[in-house]
Amino acid sequence: MGKNKKVGLSAHTLNIFRECKRCFYLQVKYDIKRPRGPMPSIATGIDSLIKDYFEHFRGELPPFLKEKIEGTLITNLQKTYYYDIENFPDYYLWGHLDEAIKLPNGLYIPLDHKTRASCPKGEPHEAYKFQLGVYSLLLKKSNNGQEVDRGYLVFYYPEKELTDYNADKIKNIINFNFEVKEVKLDINEIKKVIIDAINCLESDKLPESGNGETKCEYCEWIEKAKIYYIESPIIEIKKEIIEEEKINDIPDESEVIEEEREFPETLF
């Protein structure tokens, strides 16, 4: 994070802050990111198909949503949205919205696609709700400075009951269902998290791991594993050097004393 360079925060990085302040600090300030495994490409492929489908109904509403959502798809969905954070000119929000709905009153609200293995039950995950809250702020400029406090999550999942076991084509075998959830957003809470995250970055002190309530599994792994990556190799190197010295000619007494004195300094 260089000096005099504006820092961009996203729903993803802010959700990391909500999980672990230390991981967030290291990623944004020093570009040290958590390790990631391979992303399942099937979810990316489904997401791409859904977005193409929605694009076909730009300015309208896909038929399967007409009884579920009020309003229409906005006519001009930008690739990236930005939001200038009040009182913090060196920071801004940015993000890629899946979709946005234009309400009958003319305001824009966010809609986000989610793929799942099964039908969602209960309240959506807090990370999903927080993500929608960030997206609502990204729409503030499009809403002429007005803030919105709700959005939509649309979940897509394979439906076993719709499987046609007599079908001779794959397109008739795997079928998806969907679930729409309207989400109420606490914009003031979203803003508080953003301010706390900025204050965290402004500090020169490395934050504590976790979020005060739960531990961070990444930081815990480092604590448990570092002895094998740092301390053990040094101990093994020390043993190897000692064994090698035994094989070589034994030096005189003054050389032995000198080596014993200097050895810890050069090793550690």
Protein backbone atom coordinates (compact mmCIF):
# COMPACT_ATOMS: atom_id res chain seq x y z
CA MET A 1 0.00 0.00 0.00
CA GLY A 2 2.00 2.93 -1.31
CA LYS A 3 1.88 6.48 -0.05
CA ASN A 4 -0.41 9.00 -1.81
CA LYS A 5 -2.23 6.14 -3.53
CA LYS A 6 -5.95 5.71 -2.97
CA VAL A 7 -6.90 2.37 -1.45
CA GLY A 8 -9.83 0.42 -2.86
CA LEU A 9 -11.96 -1.71 -0.56
CA SER A 10 -14.44 -4.30 -1.79
CA ALA A 11 -17.14 -6.48 -0.29
CA HIS A 12 -14.67 -9.37 -0.41
CA THR A 13 -11.86 -7.63 1.50
CA LEU A 14 -14.30 -6.14 4.01
CA ASN A 15 -15.77 -9.57 4.68
CA ILE A 16 -12.21 -10.75 5.41
CA PHE A 17 -11.96 -7.87 7.90
CA ARG A 18 -15.12 -9.11 9.58
CA GLU A 19 -13.52 -12.57 9.88
CA CYS A 20 -9.95 -11.63 10.78
CA LYS A 21 -8.48 -8.16 11.13
CA ARG A 22 -4.92 -9.48 10.75
CA CYS A 23 -5.60 -11.27 7.45
CA PHE A 24 -7.34 -8.14 6.14
CA TYR A 25 -4.46 -5.90 7.23
CA LEU A 26 -1.84 -8.11 5.58
CA GLN A 27 -3.80 -8.43 2.34
CA VAL A 28 -4.70 -4.79 1.79
CA LYS A 29 -1.58 -3.19 3.21
CA TYR A 30 1.10 -5.66 2.08
CA ASP A 31 -0.64 -7.74 -0.61
CA ILE A 32 -0.14 -10.92 1.44
CA LYS A 33 -3.25 -12.91 0.67
CA ARG A 34 -4.73 -16.02 2.20
CA PRO A 35 -3.92 -19.21 0.24
CA ARG A 36 -6.65 -20.29 -2.13
CA GLY A 37 -7.43 -23.63 -3.71
CA PRO A 38 -8.76 -24.12 -7.24
CA MET A 39 -12.14 -22.53 -7.90
CA PRO A 40 -14.89 -24.93 -9.08
CA SER A 41 -15.37 -23.96 -12.72
CA ILE A 42 -18.91 -25.31 -12.91
CA ALA A 43 -20.16 -22.55 -10.58
CA THR A 44 -18.43 -19.94 -12.76
CA GLY A 45 -20.00 -21.46 -15.87
CA ILE A 46 -23.50 -21.42 -14.35
CA ASP A 47 -23.02 -17.83 -13.20
CA SER A 48 -21.99 -16.79 -16.71
CA LEU A 49 -25.07 -18.46 -18.25
CA ILE A 50 -27.38 -16.75 -15.75
CA LYS A 51 -25.91 -13.33 -16.51
CA ASP A 52 -26.24 -13.89 -20.26
CA TYR A 53 -29.86 -14.90 -19.72
CA PHE A 54 -30.57 -11.76 -17.70
CA GLU A 55 -28.88 -9.61 -20.34
CA HIS A 56 -31.49 -10.82 -22.83
CA PHE A 57 -34.18 -9.18 -20.68
CA ARG A 58 -32.33 -5.90 -20.05
CA GLY A 59 -34.89 -3.21 -19.20
CA GLU A 60 -37.52 -5.84 -18.40
CA LEU A 61 -37.67 -8.72 -15.94
CA PRO A 62 -37.02 -12.42 -16.67
CA PRO A 63 -40.36 -14.27 -16.74
CA PHE A 64 -39.52 -16.54 -13.79
CA LEU A 65 -39.04 -13.47 -11.55
CA LYS A 66 -42.14 -11.48 -12.48
CA GLU A 67 -44.17 -12.81 -9.57
CA LYS A 68 -41.25 -12.61 -7.17
CA ILE A 69 -39.70 -9.17 -7.63
CA GLU A 70 -41.15 -5.74 -8.24
CA GLY A 71 -39.48 -3.51 -10.80
CA THR A 72 -37.30 -4.19 -13.84
CA LEU A 73 -33.65 -4.78 -14.66
CA ILE A 74 -31.81 -1.48 -15.00
CA THR A 75 -31.12 -0.53 -18.62
CA ASN A 76 -27.40 0.16 -18.21
CA LEU A 77 -25.54 -2.18 -15.88
CA GLN A 78 -21.96 -0.93 -15.48
CA LYS A 79 -19.05 -3.34 -15.31
CA THR A 80 -17.63 -1.71 -12.17
CA TYR A 81 -19.18 0.64 -9.62
CA TYR A 82 -17.38 3.02 -7.26
CA TYR A 83 -18.26 4.86 -4.07
CA ASP A 84 -16.24 7.65 -2.44
CA ILE A 85 -16.12 7.13 1.32
CA GLU A 86 -17.15 10.26 3.22
CA ASN A 87 -14.39 11.87 5.32
CA PHE A 88 -11.77 9.42 4.00
CA PRO A 89 -10.51 10.83 0.67
CA ASP A 90 -7.71 8.24 0.43
CA TYR A 91 -10.15 5.32 0.34
CA TYR A 92 -13.00 4.19 -1.91
CA LEU A 93 -15.33 1.24 -2.43
CA TRP A 94 -15.51 -0.69 -5.67
CA GLY A 95 -17.28 -3.79 -6.92
CA HIS A 96 -18.88 -5.74 -9.76
CA LEU A 97 -22.63 -6.08 -9.32
CA ASP A 98 -24.34 -9.18 -10.70
CA GLU A 99 -27.49 -7.18 -11.34
CA ALA A 100 -29.55 -4.20 -10.21
CA ILE A 101 -33.31 -3.68 -10.11
CA LYS A 102 -35.06 -0.42 -10.89
CA LEU A 103 -37.98 -0.04 -8.50
CA PRO A 104 -41.26 1.64 -9.50
CA ASN A 105 -40.12 4.76 -7.61
CA GLY A 106 -37.00 4.97 -9.80
CA LEU A 107 -34.44 3.85 -7.19
CA TYR A 108 -31.89 1.13 -7.93
CA ILE A 109 -31.33 -1.79 -5.55
CA PRO A 110 -28.80 -4.64 -5.86
CA LEU A 111 -29.56 -8.22 -6.87
CA ASP A 112 -26.99 -10.98 -6.47
CA HIS A 113 -26.93 -14.51 -7.91
CA LYS A 114 -25.92 -17.44 -5.70
CA THR A 115 -25.52 -21.08 -6.69
CA ARG A 116 -26.01 -23.80 -4.06
CA ALA A 117 -26.21 -27.56 -3.75
CA SER A 118 -29.71 -27.40 -2.23
CA CYS A 119 -32.56 -25.06 -1.42
CA PRO A 120 -31.49 -22.45 1.16
CA LYS A 121 -33.25 -22.54 4.51
CA GLY A 122 -33.54 -19.77 7.07
CA GLU A 123 -31.79 -16.42 6.88
CA PRO A 124 -29.09 -15.86 4.26
CA HIS A 125 -25.48 -15.98 5.42
CA GLU A 126 -24.28 -12.75 7.05
CA ALA A 127 -21.50 -12.45 4.45
CA TYR A 128 -24.13 -12.42 1.68
CA LYS A 129 -26.14 -9.72 3.44
CA PHE A 130 -23.04 -7.63 4.04
CA GLN A 131 -22.08 -7.97 0.37
CA LEU A 132 -25.50 -6.66 -0.67
CA GLY A 133 -25.08 -3.74 1.74
CA VAL A 134 -21.79 -2.77 0.10
CA TYR A 135 -23.43 -3.04 -3.32
CA SER A 136 -26.24 -0.74 -2.19
CA LEU A 137 -23.64 1.93 -1.36
CA LEU A 138 -22.09 1.44 -4.79
CA LEU A 139 -25.47 2.40 -6.26
CA LYS A 140 -25.70 5.59 -4.22
CA LYS A 141 -24.39 7.79 -7.05
CA SER A 142 -26.87 6.25 -9.50
CA ASN A 143 -29.60 6.99 -6.94
CA ASN A 144 -28.62 10.69 -6.83
CA GLY A 145 -27.12 10.37 -3.36
CA GLN A 146 -30.01 8.45 -1.83
CA GLU A 147 -29.27 5.28 0.10
CA VAL A 148 -31.36 2.11 -0.19
CA ASP A 149 -31.86 -0.41 2.57
CA ARG A 150 -32.87 -3.56 0.74
CA GLY A 151 -31.77 -5.91 -2.00
CA TYR A 152 -32.43 -9.34 -3.48
CA LEU A 153 -30.59 -12.65 -3.38
CA VAL A 154 -31.57 -15.25 -5.99
CA PHE A 155 -30.41 -18.78 -5.19
CA TYR A 156 -30.12 -21.42 -7.92
CA TYR A 157 -29.84 -25.09 -7.02
CA PRO A 158 -30.28 -28.51 -8.69
CA GLU A 159 -33.72 -29.92 -7.98
CA LYS A 160 -33.87 -33.70 -7.72
CA GLU A 161 -37.67 -33.72 -8.01
CA LEU A 162 -37.36 -32.21 -11.50
CA THR A 163 -35.04 -34.95 -12.76
CA ASP A 164 -36.41 -36.88 -15.73
CA TYR A 165 -34.98 -40.39 -15.39
CA ASN A 166 -36.36 -41.40 -18.78
CA ALA A 167 -34.74 -38.51 -20.62
CA ASP A 168 -32.33 -39.34 -23.43
CA LYS A 169 -30.64 -35.90 -23.43
CA ILE A 170 -28.56 -34.44 -20.63
CA LYS A 171 -30.40 -31.10 -20.78
CA ASN A 172 -33.55 -32.88 -19.60
CA ILE A 173 -31.81 -34.74 -16.79
CA ILE A 174 -30.26 -31.98 -14.68
CA ASN A 175 -32.75 -29.23 -13.83
CA PHE A 176 -32.46 -26.23 -11.55
CA ASN A 177 -34.91 -24.52 -9.27
CA PHE A 178 -34.58 -21.12 -7.63
CA GLU A 179 -35.42 -19.23 -4.46
CA VAL A 180 -35.72 -15.44 -4.11
CA LYS A 181 -34.98 -13.76 -0.80
CA GLU A 182 -35.53 -10.08 -0.12
CA VAL A 183 -32.90 -8.81 2.31
CA LYS A 184 -33.19 -5.82 4.63
CA LEU A 185 -29.92 -3.93 4.90
CA ASP A 186 -28.46 -2.04 7.86
CA ILE A 187 -26.56 0.69 6.02
CA ASN A 188 -25.28 2.32 9.22
CA GLU A 189 -23.72 -0.98 10.30
CA ILE A 190 -22.11 -1.35 6.87
CA LYS A 191 -20.59 2.13 7.19
CA LYS A 192 -19.32 1.37 10.69
CA VAL A 193 -17.48 -1.72 9.43
CA ILE A 194 -15.92 0.35 6.63
CA ILE A 195 -14.69 3.01 9.08
CA ASP A 196 -13.33 0.37 11.47
CA ALA A 197 -11.51 -1.28 8.56
CA ILE A 198 -9.93 2.02 7.51
CA ASN A 199 -8.82 2.76 11.09
CA CYS A 200 -7.27 -0.71 11.17
CA LEU A 201 -5.24 0.07 8.04
CA GLU A 202 -4.15 3.45 9.38
CA SER A 203 -2.46 1.80 12.34
CA ASP A 204 1.20 0.80 12.22
CA LYS A 205 0.55 -2.06 14.62
CA LEU A 206 -0.30 -5.53 13.35
CA PRO A 207 -3.87 -6.30 14.54
CA GLU A 208 -4.82 -9.26 16.65
CA SER A 209 -5.92 -12.39 14.86
CA GLY A 210 -9.64 -13.15 14.50
CA ASN A 211 -12.50 -10.74 15.11
CA GLY A 212 -12.78 -10.79 18.89
CA GLU A 213 -15.46 -13.50 18.85
CA THR A 214 -14.11 -16.26 16.68
CA LYS A 215 -10.59 -17.42 15.86
CA CYS A 216 -9.09 -17.31 12.38
CA GLU A 217 -8.34 -20.79 11.00
CA TYR A 218 -5.62 -19.39 8.73
CA CYS A 219 -3.75 -17.69 11.58
CA GLU A 220 -4.19 -20.73 13.80
CA TRP A 221 -2.66 -22.95 11.12
CA ILE A 222 0.36 -20.65 10.88
CA GLU A 223 0.85 -20.73 14.66
CA LYS A 224 0.71 -24.53 14.74
CA ALA A 225 2.84 -25.11 11.65
CA LYS A 226 5.52 -22.44 11.94
CA ILE A 227 7.68 -24.54 14.27
CA TYR A 228 8.11 -27.07 11.47
CA TYR A 229 8.91 -24.38 8.91
CA ILE A 230 11.17 -22.19 11.05
CA GLU A 231 12.53 -23.83 14.20
CA SER A 232 12.94 -27.47 13.18
CA PRO A 233 15.02 -26.85 10.04
CA ILE A 234 17.43 -24.69 12.07
CA ILE A 235 17.79 -27.39 14.70
CA GLU A 236 18.46 -29.99 12.00
CA ILE A 237 21.04 -27.73 10.34
CA LYS A 238 22.77 -27.29 13.70
CA LYS A 239 22.91 -31.07 14.22
CA GLU A 240 24.34 -31.59 10.72
CA ILE A 241 27.08 -29.02 11.33
CA ILE A 242 28.01 -30.63 14.63
CA GLU A 243 28.21 -34.06 13.03
CA GLU A 244 30.35 -32.69 10.21
CA GLU A 245 32.75 -31.14 12.73
CA LYS A 246 33.18 -34.53 14.43
CA ILE A 247 34.29 -36.07 11.14
CA ASN A 248 36.81 -33.32 10.36
CA ASP A 249 40.11 -32.92 12.10
CA ILE A 250 39.77 -31.74 15.65
CA PRO A 251 41.03 -28.12 15.86
CA ASP A 252 43.06 -26.78 18.73
CA GLU A 253 41.38 -25.63 21.94
CA SER A 254 41.32 -21.90 21.11
CA GLU A 255 39.55 -22.54 17.79
CA VAL A 256 36.92 -24.69 19.51
CA ILE A 257 36.21 -21.92 22.02
CA GLU A 258 35.94 -19.34 19.23
CA GLU A 259 33.54 -21.49 17.18
CA GLU A 260 31.31 -22.20 20.16
CA ARG A 261 31.08 -18.47 20.87
CA GLU A 262 30.28 -17.44 17.31
CA PHE A 263 28.06 -20.37 16.32
CA PRO A 264 24.74 -19.13 17.81
CA GLU A 265 25.27 -15.65 16.35
CA THR A 266 25.81 -16.85 12.79
CA LEU A 267 23.04 -19.43 12.97
CA PHE A 268 20.38 -17.28 14.54
